[in-house]
Structure formats: C-alpha cells, structure tokens
C-alpha atoms as a PDB file:
ATOM      1  CA  MET A   1     113.522 101.648 117.296  1.00  0.00           C
ATOM      2  CA  ALA A   2     114.654  98.253 118.573  1.00  0.00           C
ATOM      3  CA  GLY A   3     114.106  97.299 122.207  1.00  0.00           C
ATOM      4  CA  GLN A   4     110.820  99.122 122.775  1.00  0.00           C
ATOM      5  CA  LYS A   5     107.393  98.762 121.270  1.00  0.00           C
ATOM      6  CA  VAL A   6     106.801 101.471 118.708  1.00  0.00           C
ATOM      7  CA  ILE A   7     103.592 102.908 117.307  1.00  0.00           C
ATOM      8  CA  LEU A   8     104.092 104.771 114.049  1.00  0.00           C
ATOM      9  CA  VAL A   9     101.567 107.473 113.143  1.00  0.00           C
ATOM     10  CA  GLY A  10     101.439 108.732 109.563  1.00  0.00           C
ATOM     11  CA  VAL A  11     100.505 112.412 109.400  1.00  0.00           C
ATOM     12  CA  ASP A  12      99.849 115.014 106.729  1.00  0.00           C
ATOM     13  CA  GLY A  13      98.680 118.004 108.763  1.00  0.00           C
ATOM     14  CA  SER A  14      94.983 117.202 108.332  1.00  0.00           C
ATOM     15  CA  ALA A  15      92.216 116.894 110.912  1.00  0.00           C
ATOM     16  CA  GLU A  16      92.091 113.189 110.117  1.00  0.00           C
ATOM     17  CA  ALA A  17      95.773 112.862 110.960  1.00  0.00           C
ATOM     18  CA  ASN A  18      94.971 114.500 114.300  1.00  0.00           C
ATOM     19  CA  MET A  19      92.447 111.731 114.971  1.00  0.00           C
ATOM     20  CA  ALA A  20      95.149 109.175 114.232  1.00  0.00           C
ATOM     21  CA  LEU A  21      97.522 110.961 116.614  1.00  0.00           C
ATOM     22  CA  ASP A  22      94.917 111.030 119.377  1.00  0.00           C
ATOM     23  CA  TRP A  23      94.147 107.329 118.902  1.00  0.00           C
ATOM     24  CA  GLY A  24      97.833 106.475 118.851  1.00  0.00           C
ATOM     25  CA  ALA A  25      98.394 108.451 122.040  1.00  0.00           C
ATOM     26  CA  ALA A  26      95.574 106.631 123.821  1.00  0.00           C
ATOM     27  CA  ARG A  27      96.951 103.281 122.675  1.00  0.00           C
ATOM     28  CA  ALA A  28     100.498 104.158 123.762  1.00  0.00           C
ATOM     29  CA  LYS A  29      99.282 104.963 127.260  1.00  0.00           C
ATOM     30  CA  GLU A  30      98.031 101.390 127.618  1.00  0.00           C
ATOM     31  CA  ASP A  31     101.410  99.720 127.174  1.00  0.00           C
ATOM     32  CA  GLY A  32     104.029 102.464 127.296  1.00  0.00           C
ATOM     33  CA  SER A  33     104.883 102.330 123.606  1.00  0.00           C
ATOM     34  CA  LEU A  34     107.043 104.986 122.010  1.00  0.00           C
ATOM     35  CA  VAL A  35     105.122 106.942 119.360  1.00  0.00           C
ATOM     36  CA  HIS A  36     106.980 107.870 116.198  1.00  0.00           C
ATOM     37  CA  VAL A  37     105.441 110.454 113.835  1.00  0.00           C
ATOM     38  CA  VAL A  38     106.227 110.343 110.115  1.00  0.00           C
ATOM     39  CA  CYS A  39     105.309 112.698 107.298  1.00  0.00           C
ATOM     40  CA  THR A  40     106.451 111.882 103.770  1.00  0.00           C
ATOM     41  CA  TYR A  41     107.125 114.265 100.934  1.00  0.00           C
ATOM     42  CA  ALA A  42     108.042 113.814  97.291  1.00  0.00           C
ATOM     43  CA  LEU A  43     109.158 116.170  94.540  1.00  0.00           C
ATOM     44  CA  ALA A  44     106.762 115.929  91.623  1.00  0.00           C
ATOM     45  CA  SER A  45     108.363 114.153  88.691  1.00  0.00           C
ATOM     46  CA  TYR A  46     107.628 117.027  86.335  1.00  0.00           C
ATOM     47  CA  SER A  47     109.630 119.391  88.549  1.00  0.00           C
ATOM     48  CA  ALA A  48     112.840 117.434  88.212  1.00  0.00           C
ATOM     49  CA  ALA A  49     112.367 117.121  84.474  1.00  0.00           C
ATOM     50  CA  ALA A  50     111.219 120.632  83.656  1.00  0.00           C
ATOM     51  CA  LEU A  51     113.124 122.785  86.132  1.00  0.00           C
ATOM     52  CA  ASP A  52     116.817 123.286  86.481  1.00  0.00           C
ATOM     53  CA  GLY A  53     118.558 121.861  89.506  1.00  0.00           C
ATOM     54  CA  GLY A  54     118.395 125.051  91.560  1.00  0.00           C
ATOM     55  CA  TYR A  55     114.635 125.421  91.336  1.00  0.00           C
ATOM     56  CA  ALA A  56     114.094 121.736  91.924  1.00  0.00           C
ATOM     57  CA  ALA A  57     116.189 121.911  95.089  1.00  0.00           C
ATOM     58  CA  LEU A  58     114.186 124.886  96.337  1.00  0.00           C
ATOM     59  CA  ASP A  59     110.949 123.063  95.625  1.00  0.00           C
ATOM     60  CA  ASP A  60     112.208 120.003  97.449  1.00  0.00           C
ATOM     61  CA  ASP A  61     113.253 122.115 100.439  1.00  0.00           C
ATOM     62  CA  ALA A  62     109.804 123.690 100.600  1.00  0.00           C
ATOM     63  CA  LEU A  63     108.138 120.289 100.574  1.00  0.00           C
ATOM     64  CA  GLN A  64     110.453 119.025 103.306  1.00  0.00           C
ATOM     65  CA  GLN A  65     109.764 122.099 105.435  1.00  0.00           C
ATOM     66  CA  GLY A  66     106.027 121.576 105.060  1.00  0.00           C
ATOM     67  CA  ALA A  67     106.397 117.948 106.101  1.00  0.00           C
ATOM     68  CA  GLN A  68     108.482 119.003 109.100  1.00  0.00           C
ATOM     69  CA  LYS A  69     105.719 121.371 110.214  1.00  0.00           C
ATOM     70  CA  ALA A  70     103.263 118.476 110.134  1.00  0.00           C
ATOM     71  CA  VAL A  71     105.660 116.358 112.211  1.00  0.00           C
ATOM     72  CA  ASP A  72     106.253 119.170 114.729  1.00  0.00           C
ATOM     73  CA  HIS A  73     102.513 119.656 115.096  1.00  0.00           C
ATOM     74  CA  GLY A  74     102.093 115.932 115.631  1.00  0.00           C
ATOM     75  CA  LEU A  75     104.727 115.824 118.357  1.00  0.00           C
ATOM     76  CA  GLU A  76     103.142 118.803 120.093  1.00  0.00           C
ATOM     77  CA  ARG A  77      99.752 117.131 119.990  1.00  0.00           C
ATOM     78  CA  LEU A  78     101.137 113.893 121.436  1.00  0.00           C
ATOM     79  CA  ARG A  79     102.816 115.796 124.261  1.00  0.00           C
ATOM     80  CA  SER A  80      99.502 117.495 125.015  1.00  0.00           C
ATOM     81  CA  HIS A  81      98.217 114.009 125.869  1.00  0.00           C
ATOM     82  CA  GLY A  82     100.978 113.648 128.446  1.00  0.00           C
ATOM     83  CA  LEU A  83     103.307 111.489 126.355  1.00  0.00           C
ATOM     84  CA  THR A  84     107.041 112.001 126.639  1.00  0.00           C
ATOM     85  CA  GLU A  85     108.311 109.028 124.610  1.00  0.00           C
ATOM     86  CA  VAL A  86     107.710 110.626 121.207  1.00  0.00           C
ATOM     87  CA  THR A  87     109.903 111.079 118.140  1.00  0.00           C
ATOM     88  CA  GLY A  88     109.364 112.242 114.597  1.00  0.00           C
ATOM     89  CA  THR A  89     110.956 112.329 111.160  1.00  0.00           C
ATOM     90  CA  THR A  90     110.243 113.411 107.613  1.00  0.00           C
ATOM     91  CA  GLU A  91     110.881 110.862 104.896  1.00  0.00           C
ATOM     92  CA  PRO A  92     111.272 111.504 101.172  1.00  0.00           C
ATOM     93  CA  GLY A  93     109.245 109.272  98.926  1.00  0.00           C
ATOM     94  CA  ASP A  94     105.799 107.881  98.341  1.00  0.00           C
ATOM     95  CA  ALA A  95     103.764 107.498 101.526  1.00  0.00           C
ATOM     96  CA  THR A  96     102.770 103.921 100.786  1.00  0.00           C
ATOM     97  CA  SER A  97     106.313 102.745 100.066  1.00  0.00           C
ATOM     98  CA  VAL A  98     107.787 104.526 103.080  1.00  0.00           C
ATOM     99  CA  LEU A  99     105.208 103.231 105.566  1.00  0.00           C
ATOM    100  CA  VAL A 100     105.336  99.691 104.206  1.00  0.00           C
ATOM    101  CA  GLN A 101     109.107  99.708 104.578  1.00  0.00           C
ATOM    102  CA  LEU A 102     108.881 101.082 108.125  1.00  0.00           C
ATOM    103  CA  SER A 103     106.264  98.470 109.022  1.00  0.00           C
ATOM    104  CA  GLU A 104     109.079  95.945 109.369  1.00  0.00           C
ATOM    105  CA  GLU A 105     110.581  98.033 112.189  1.00  0.00           C
ATOM    106  CA  VAL A 106     107.516  98.989 114.245  1.00  0.00           C
ATOM    107  CA  ASP A 107     104.734  97.180 116.099  1.00  0.00           C
ATOM    108  CA  LEU A 108     101.712  99.154 114.908  1.00  0.00           C
ATOM    109  CA  ILE A 109     100.908 101.801 112.292  1.00  0.00           C
ATOM    110  CA  VAL A 110      98.048 104.284 112.699  1.00  0.00           C
ATOM    111  CA  VAL A 111      96.649 106.477 109.921  1.00  0.00           C
ATOM    112  CA  GLY A 112      93.551 108.632 109.611  1.00  0.00           C
ATOM    113  CA  SER A 113      90.804 108.510 107.023  1.00  0.00           C
ATOM    114  CA  ARG A 114      88.139 111.009 106.010  1.00  0.00           C
ATOM    115  CA  GLY A 115      86.615 108.980 103.206  1.00  0.00           C
ATOM    116  CA  GLY A 116      87.687 111.482 100.597  1.00  0.00           C
ATOM    117  CA  GLY A 117      91.330 112.390 100.457  1.00  0.00           C
ATOM    118  CA  GLY A 118      93.200 111.910 103.749  1.00  0.00           C
ATOM    119  CA  ILE A 119      96.422 109.990 104.062  1.00  0.00           C
ATOM    120  CA  ALA A 120      94.678 106.652 104.514  1.00  0.00           C
ATOM    121  CA  ASP A 121      92.483 107.353 101.514  1.00  0.00           C
ATOM    122  CA  ARG A 122      95.572 107.741  99.365  1.00  0.00           C
ATOM    123  CA  LEU A 123      96.885 104.486 100.805  1.00  0.00           C
ATOM    124  CA  LEU A 124      93.565 102.663 100.624  1.00  0.00           C
ATOM    125  CA  GLY A 125      92.671 103.864  97.159  1.00  0.00           C
ATOM    126  CA  THR A 126      90.700 101.937  94.595  1.00  0.00           C
ATOM    127  CA  VAL A 127      93.870 100.636  92.920  1.00  0.00           C
ATOM    128  CA  SER A 128      95.670  98.598  95.545  1.00  0.00           C
ATOM    129  CA  SER A 129      94.810  99.132  99.214  1.00  0.00           C
ATOM    130  CA  ALA A 130      98.541  98.999  99.501  1.00  0.00           C
ATOM    131  CA  LEU A 131      99.374  99.674 103.126  1.00  0.00           C
ATOM    132  CA  PRO A 132      97.119  97.072 104.820  1.00  0.00           C
ATOM    133  CA  ALA A 133      97.832  94.558 102.071  1.00  0.00           C
ATOM    134  CA  HIS A 134     101.623  94.888 102.264  1.00  0.00           C
ATOM    135  CA  ALA A 135     102.351  95.993 105.849  1.00  0.00           C
ATOM    136  CA  LYS A 136     104.287  93.548 108.020  1.00  0.00           C
ATOM    137  CA  CYS A 137     102.644  94.797 111.217  1.00  0.00           C
ATOM    138  CA  PRO A 138      99.045  95.599 112.191  1.00  0.00           C
ATOM    139  CA  VAL A 139      97.595  98.807 110.759  1.00  0.00           C
ATOM    140  CA  VAL A 140      94.822 100.862 112.374  1.00  0.00           C
ATOM    141  CA  VAL A 141      92.726 103.094 110.129  1.00  0.00           C
ATOM    142  CA  VAL A 142      90.875 105.753 112.135  1.00  0.00           C
ATOM    143  CA  PRO A 143      87.840 107.229 110.359  1.00  0.00           C
ATOM    144  CA  ARG A 144      86.151 110.545 110.980  1.00  0.00           C
ATOM    145  CA  HIS A 145      84.235 110.642 114.245  1.00  0.00           C
ATOM    146  CA  THR A 146      80.861 112.069 113.272  1.00  0.00           C
ATOM    147  CA  SER A 147      78.547 110.888 116.044  1.00  0.00           C
ATOM    148  CA  GLY A 148      78.116 108.593 119.002  1.00  0.00           C
ATOM    149  CA  SER A 149      80.551 107.487 121.683  1.00  0.00           C
ATOM    150  CA  PRO A 150      84.269 108.292 121.401  1.00  0.00           C
ATOM    151  CA  PHE A 151      86.634 105.774 119.824  1.00  0.00           C
ATOM    152  CA  TRP A 152      88.585 105.335 123.055  1.00  0.00           C
ATOM    153  CA  PRO A 153      88.949 103.992 125.637  1.00  0.00           C
ATOM    154  CA  ILE A 154      88.198 100.736 123.860  1.00  0.00           C
ATOM    155  CA  LYS A 155      85.520  98.751 125.637  1.00  0.00           C
ATOM    156  CA  ARG A 156      84.307  96.426 122.920  1.00  0.00           C
ATOM    157  CA  ILE A 157      86.127  94.772 120.005  1.00  0.00           C
ATOM    158  CA  VAL A 158      84.680  92.679 117.181  1.00  0.00           C
ATOM    159  CA  ALA A 159      86.501  90.121 115.034  1.00  0.00           C
ATOM    160  CA  GLY A 160      85.262  87.841 112.281  1.00  0.00           C
ATOM    161  CA  VAL A 161      85.995  84.112 112.541  1.00  0.00           C
ATOM    162  CA  ASP A 162      85.714  81.649 109.655  1.00  0.00           C
ATOM    163  CA  GLY A 163      88.199  78.919 110.511  1.00  0.00           C
ATOM    164  CA  SER A 164      90.990  80.262 108.291  1.00  0.00           C
ATOM    165  CA  ARG A 165      94.483  81.057 109.503  1.00  0.00           C
ATOM    166  CA  THR A 166      93.969  84.696 108.540  1.00  0.00           C
ATOM    167  CA  ALA A 167      90.860  85.001 110.706  1.00  0.00           C
ATOM    168  CA  HIS A 168      92.512  83.118 113.567  1.00  0.00           C
ATOM    169  CA  THR A 169      95.389  85.607 113.542  1.00  0.00           C
ATOM    170  CA  ALA A 170      92.883  88.464 113.694  1.00  0.00           C
ATOM    171  CA  LEU A 171      91.076  86.823 116.624  1.00  0.00           C
ATOM    172  CA  GLU A 172      94.386  86.424 118.474  1.00  0.00           C
ATOM    173  CA  LYS A 173      95.134  90.115 118.009  1.00  0.00           C
ATOM    174  CA  ALA A 174      91.610  91.099 119.049  1.00  0.00           C
ATOM    175  CA  VAL A 175      92.031  89.184 122.317  1.00  0.00           C
ATOM    176  CA  ASP A 176      95.484  90.724 122.837  1.00  0.00           C
ATOM    177  CA  GLU A 177      93.993  94.197 122.438  1.00  0.00           C
ATOM    178  CA  ALA A 178      91.094  93.314 124.727  1.00  0.00           C
ATOM    179  CA  ALA A 179      93.518  92.171 127.424  1.00  0.00           C
ATOM    180  CA  LEU A 180      95.413  95.445 127.061  1.00  0.00           C
ATOM    181  CA  TRP A 181      92.359  97.717 127.200  1.00  0.00           C
ATOM    182  CA  GLY A 182      90.224  95.624 129.538  1.00  0.00           C
ATOM    183  CA  ALA A 183      87.685  95.196 126.748  1.00  0.00           C
ATOM    184  CA  GLN A 184      85.209  92.552 125.632  1.00  0.00           C
ATOM    185  CA  VAL A 185      85.536  90.672 122.337  1.00  0.00           C
ATOM    186  CA  ASP A 186      82.640  89.731 120.071  1.00  0.00           C
ATOM    187  CA  ALA A 187      83.635  86.844 117.792  1.00  0.00           C
ATOM    188  CA  ILE A 188      81.395  86.750 114.730  1.00  0.00           C
ATOM    189  CA  ALA A 189      80.903  83.734 112.485  1.00  0.00           C
ATOM    190  CA  ALA A 190      78.809  84.598 109.434  1.00  0.00           C
ATOM    191  CA  VAL A 191      76.786  81.981 107.578  1.00  0.00           C
ATOM    192  CA  PRO A 192      76.664  81.173 104.770  1.00  0.00           C
ATOM    193  CA  ILE A 193      80.053  81.946 103.247  1.00  0.00           C
ATOM    194  CA  ALA A 194      80.206  81.055  99.587  1.00  0.00           C
ATOM    195  CA  THR A 195      83.980  81.032  99.132  1.00  0.00           C
ATOM    196  CA  GLY A 196      87.106  80.859 101.227  1.00  0.00           C
ATOM    197  CA  ALA A 197      89.250  78.387 103.097  1.00  0.00           C
ATOM    198  CA  GLY A 198      87.493  77.804 106.347  1.00  0.00           C
ATOM    199  CA  MET A 199      84.913  75.743 108.114  1.00  0.00           C
ATOM    200  CA  LEU A 200      82.225  77.441 105.993  1.00  0.00           C
ATOM    201  CA  SER A 201      83.950  77.371 102.645  1.00  0.00           C
ATOM    202  CA  TRP A 202      80.945  75.655 101.061  1.00  0.00           C
ATOM    203  CA  VAL A 203      77.399  75.534 102.384  1.00  0.00           C
ATOM    204  CA  PRO A 204      75.004  73.457 100.231  1.00  0.00           C
ATOM    205  CA  THR A 205      71.392  74.539 100.213  1.00  0.00           C
ATOM    206  CA  THR A 206      70.297  71.109 101.448  1.00  0.00           C
ATOM    207  CA  ILE A 207      72.563  71.067 104.491  1.00  0.00           C
ATOM    208  CA  ASP A 208      71.120  70.364 107.931  1.00  0.00           C
ATOM    209  CA  ARG A 209      71.353  73.913 109.260  1.00  0.00           C
ATOM    210  CA  GLU A 210      70.740  72.886 112.848  1.00  0.00           C
ATOM    211  CA  ARG A 211      73.691  70.503 112.707  1.00  0.00           C
ATOM    212  CA  LEU A 212      75.742  73.151 110.902  1.00  0.00           C
ATOM    213  CA  TYR A 213      75.152  75.645 113.678  1.00  0.00           C
ATOM    214  CA  GLU A 214      76.078  73.052 116.293  1.00  0.00           C
ATOM    215  CA  GLU A 215      79.362  72.293 114.538  1.00  0.00           C
ATOM    216  CA  MET A 216      80.094  75.995 114.087  1.00  0.00           C
ATOM    217  CA  GLU A 217      79.439  76.664 117.746  1.00  0.00           C
ATOM    218  CA  GLU A 218      81.782  73.850 118.760  1.00  0.00           C
ATOM    219  CA  GLU A 219      84.575  75.084 116.496  1.00  0.00           C
ATOM    220  CA  LEU A 220      84.059  78.727 117.469  1.00  0.00           C
ATOM    221  CA  ALA A 221      84.087  77.872 121.174  1.00  0.00           C
ATOM    222  CA  ALA A 222      87.284  75.836 120.763  1.00  0.00           C
ATOM    223  CA  ALA A 223      89.004  78.589 118.774  1.00  0.00           C
ATOM    224  CA  CYS A 224      88.099  81.256 121.335  1.00  0.00           C
ATOM    225  CA  ALA A 225      89.167  79.112 124.281  1.00  0.00           C
ATOM    226  CA  LYS A 226      92.526  78.403 122.661  1.00  0.00           C
ATOM    227  CA  VAL A 227      93.198  82.081 121.976  1.00  0.00           C
ATOM    228  CA  VAL A 228      92.094  83.350 125.387  1.00  0.00           C
ATOM    229  CA  GLY A 229      93.958  80.746 127.417  1.00  0.00           C
ATOM    230  CA  ASP A 230      94.120  81.739 131.079  1.00  0.00           C
ATOM    231  CA  ARG A 231      93.656  85.465 130.440  1.00  0.00           C
ATOM    232  CA  ASP A 232      90.708  87.286 131.974  1.00  0.00           C
ATOM    233  CA  VAL A 233      89.068  88.267 128.695  1.00  0.00           C
ATOM    234  CA  THR A 234      85.369  87.885 127.952  1.00  0.00           C
ATOM    235  CA  VAL A 235      84.625  86.617 124.438  1.00  0.00           C
ATOM    236  CA  LYS A 236      81.013  86.525 123.308  1.00  0.00           C
ATOM    237  CA  ARG A 237      80.335  84.209 120.384  1.00  0.00           C
ATOM    238  CA  HIS A 238      77.835  85.010 117.651  1.00  0.00           C
ATOM    239  CA  ILE A 239      76.763  82.865 114.709  1.00  0.00           C
ATOM    240  CA  ILE A 240      74.667  85.016 112.401  1.00  0.00           C
ATOM    241  CA  ASP A 241      73.236  84.655 108.912  1.00  0.00           C
ATOM    242  CA  GLY A 242      74.673  87.212 106.516  1.00  0.00           C
ATOM    243  CA  SER A 243      77.716  88.575 104.783  1.00  0.00           C
ATOM    244  CA  PRO A 244      80.852  88.868 106.962  1.00  0.00           C
ATOM    245  CA  ALA A 245      81.572  92.357 105.622  1.00  0.00           C
ATOM    246  CA  GLU A 246      78.035  93.592 106.234  1.00  0.00           C
ATOM    247  CA  LEU A 247      77.913  92.122 109.729  1.00  0.00           C
ATOM    248  CA  LEU A 248      81.270  93.555 110.773  1.00  0.00           C
ATOM    249  CA  THR A 249      80.318  96.950 109.337  1.00  0.00           C
ATOM    250  CA  GLU A 250      77.024  96.858 111.216  1.00  0.00           C
ATOM    251  CA  PHE A 251      78.825  95.918 114.441  1.00  0.00           C
ATOM    252  CA  SER A 252      81.181  98.866 113.903  1.00  0.00           C
ATOM    253  CA  THR A 253      78.329 101.180 114.912  1.00  0.00           C
ATOM    254  CA  ALA A 254      78.243  99.605 118.385  1.00  0.00           C
ATOM    255  CA  VAL A 255      81.890  98.685 119.079  1.00  0.00           C
ATOM    256  CA  ASP A 256      85.145 100.614 119.389  1.00  0.00           C
ATOM    257  CA  LEU A 257      87.452  98.534 117.178  1.00  0.00           C
ATOM    258  CA  VAL A 258      86.973  96.075 114.309  1.00  0.00           C
ATOM    259  CA  VAL A 259      89.810  93.603 113.730  1.00  0.00           C
ATOM    260  CA  VAL A 260      90.207  91.885 110.358  1.00  0.00           C
ATOM    261  CA  GLY A 261      92.968  89.714 108.947  1.00  0.00           C
ATOM    262  CA  THR A 262      94.996  90.144 105.790  1.00  0.00           C
ATOM    263  CA  ARG A 263      97.392  87.784 104.081  1.00  0.00           C
ATOM    264  CA  GLY A 264     100.209  90.329 104.323  1.00  0.00           C
ATOM    265  CA  ARG A 265     101.705  89.285 101.007  1.00  0.00           C
ATOM    266  CA  GLY A 266     104.045  91.161  98.766  1.00  0.00           C
ATOM    267  CA  GLY A 267     104.102  91.138  94.994  1.00  0.00           C
ATOM    268  CA  PHE A 268     100.998  90.874  92.854  1.00  0.00           C
ATOM    269  CA  ALA A 269      99.096  88.804  95.414  1.00  0.00           C
ATOM    270  CA  GLY A 270      99.494  91.626  97.916  1.00  0.00           C
ATOM    271  CA  LEU A 271      97.916  94.221  95.660  1.00  0.00           C
ATOM    272  CA  LEU A 272      94.411  93.206  96.634  1.00  0.00           C
ATOM    273  CA  LEU A 273      92.851  92.941 100.048  1.00  0.00           C
ATOM    274  CA  GLY A 274      90.146  90.387 100.598  1.00  0.00           C
ATOM    275  CA  SER A 275      86.702  91.746  99.838  1.00  0.00           C
ATOM    276  CA  THR A 276      85.679  91.599 103.507  1.00  0.00           C
ATOM    277  CA  SER A 277      88.663  93.659 104.670  1.00  0.00           C
ATOM    278  CA  GLN A 278      88.247  96.198 101.897  1.00  0.00           C
ATOM    279  CA  ILE A 279      84.517  96.701 102.483  1.00  0.00           C
ATOM    280  CA  VAL A 280      84.959  97.027 106.237  1.00  0.00           C
ATOM    281  CA  LEU A 281      87.805  99.532 105.799  1.00  0.00           C
ATOM    282  CA  THR A 282      85.643 101.585 103.463  1.00  0.00           C
ATOM    283  CA  HIS A 283      82.425 101.589 105.469  1.00  0.00           C
ATOM    284  CA  SER A 284      83.277 101.070 109.150  1.00  0.00           C
ATOM    285  CA  THR A 285      82.179 103.831 111.525  1.00  0.00           C
ATOM    286  CA  CYS A 286      84.900 102.976 114.068  1.00  0.00           C
ATOM    287  CA  PRO A 287      88.650 102.304 113.775  1.00  0.00           C
ATOM    288  CA  VAL A 288      89.635  99.146 111.903  1.00  0.00           C
ATOM    289  CA  MET A 289      92.773  97.140 112.644  1.00  0.00           C
ATOM    290  CA  THR A 290      94.114  94.980 109.826  1.00  0.00           C
ATOM    291  CA  VAL A 291      96.393  92.165 110.975  1.00  0.00           C
ATOM    292  CA  PRO A 292      98.745  90.368 108.564  1.00  0.00           C
ATOM    293  CA  SER A 293      98.926  86.616 108.822  1.00  0.00           C
ATOM    294  CA  ALA A 294     102.068  85.021 110.174  1.00  0.00           C
ATOM    295  CA  ARG A 295     104.760  84.814 107.581  1.00  0.00           C
ATOM    296  CA  GLY A 296     105.190  81.501 105.881  1.00  0.00           C
ATOM    297  CA  THR A 297     104.470  79.588 102.766  1.00  0.00           C
ATOM    298  CA  GLU A 298     101.202  78.083 103.901  1.00  0.00           C
ATOM    299  CA  SER A 299      98.303  79.336 101.835  1.00  0.00           C
ATOM    300  CA  ASP A 300      94.945  80.378 103.214  1.00  0.00           C
ATOM    301  CA  SER A 301      93.302  78.841 100.178  1.00  0.00           C
ATOM    302  CA  VAL A 302      92.665  75.188  99.684  1.00  0.00           C
ATOM    303  CA  SER A 303      93.536  74.312  96.115  1.00  0.00           C
ATOM    304  CA  THR A 304      92.529  70.867  94.853  1.00  0.00           C
ATOM    305  CA  PRO A 305      93.806  69.861  91.423  1.00  0.00           C
ATOM    306  CA  TRP A 306      91.052  68.717  89.094  1.00  0.00           C
ATOM    307  CA  GLU A 307      91.539  65.785  86.730  1.00  0.00           C
ATOM    308  CA  ARG A 308      89.539  64.893  83.656  1.00  0.00           C
ATOM    309  CA  ARG A 309      87.524  61.706  84.035  1.00  0.00           C
END
C-alpha cells in the first residue's frame, strides 16, 4: 500500500457498511486515494475446542467465504461510484485488532455505525472504544442517515478547540479536509471547561468573563491563522457557553463532518477515549472523524506534583 494514499473501509455486509463504502468512495474522488476493503472473520473459540479438526476447518472455510462475499460486494459498490483504484482482502482475526494493525499502513479508516450492532458498534462498544483510541491514522465513523441533507459532498466541518495539542491536531485535520472538499470550518471553543490541559483548564466562578472571552478570542484567532496559513479556507470562530460534547453534537445536525482529537495511545491509557470524543461518537448525527495526536512522549495533561506544607 506504500506510495499512494489509501482509504481502508471495514465492511461486514450490512447497510451501515454500505454507507461507509459510499462515504469512502466520495472521499477517494477528492484526492485520488486507493480504497481498500477489508472484512474480518474469526472461528469461534468453542469450535476449535469442541470439534475435530475437519469440522473446524469447514467452519473456518465457511466464515472466510462469507467474508469474501462482503468484500466482493464492497468492491462492486465502489466501482459503481466510478472508482477503479480499489482492492479488497479478508483477514482472519478480531476486527478491532486487524484494523488497528492496518491503521499503521493506511491514511484513513472508514467504518459504519447503526447505533445497535454494526461493525463500528462492535469497535466502539462500552468496554474500550478500541479502534479510535488505538488507531494510528484518522478514523471516520459514518452513522445511519435518517433525515436531512446528505453526508457528502462536505460543505461544512466543525472542530472543537481548547488549546491542547490533541485539539490542535484535530483543527489541523479539519482545515486539511476543508481544503480538500472546498468546505468551511467552524472552530468551537466551549466555556467553561472544568478539566483538561488547555487554555480553559480551570475557570473560577469569580473570573472576569469579558476578559476571558477576549483572551479566548485572541488565542482562537491565532490558532486558526497558524493552521490555515496561506490556504483559501474560511474558518468561523465560535466561543460558546456549554459542554464541548453537547455543542459538537448539536452542531452535527447542521454540518457534514465533526472532527475530534484522540491521544492515540496504546496500552491501558489507550483503552479509554476522552469523554468528549466518546459522547460525540455515540450521539452525532453526521460522520465523525477521530484524529490521533502526533506520536511522542509529550502528555496532553499538565501534572503538577503536590508537596505537603
């Protein structure tokens, strides 16, 4: 997959996977990316333990054949959109593990969600939210389209900004996508924010709110100008009272893509997404792109050691 941008679409034969394929096809048309379709399959553990080798092999073959049908359908659907740079494979193993591993080789992963059992719902379950938390590349989760304007072409993108590195990375990606689609970006700074490592990590009740808003506007304007550079991208800045998750979810009803940042960690720290990302992924009415922070040892959190006096 080296040498060309690659969009990976995870499929399982569902209607929600079809939405992911359609979104991936539209995105690929914007920059000429190759689209690679993957369907995973796994032999249930009880089969290997309870059945003899012959039956287990037959069961495994049947699962692989079913996965191949899903891949073939995906490739056919992509070609119906006029794409020719398409490939597909079946991969044995757990969907989360396979896609996380492949995320190191591709530029973007797209999965569908129905809010009750699709591939993204297995990946974004209540236990770990594993794919967005662990993926090394951006992940787009496409929900069911139940009403309103179509999800593409993308005309309006929203990103939350709080001064943290994670949010800055998300804003950079939002502007990149806006430049690609010819879209507008809405940069949202929510106030107050009770916790976090950013310009609003602590807002006392006695603070001069007028001065706070002035400082926020200055920092937001500087951050947006730095990210946009000399590109012809319109970024509208909003400083609004409320929860970041609630505001981004509300904006999802009027925009075509929500972009949120994740720390992109492995190990135990990667098991949990931030509350904002998780809530937006669960409740957004439009596709959500999660963007891992740049790799490194720098922490998003500011930790000050306390000493007894």
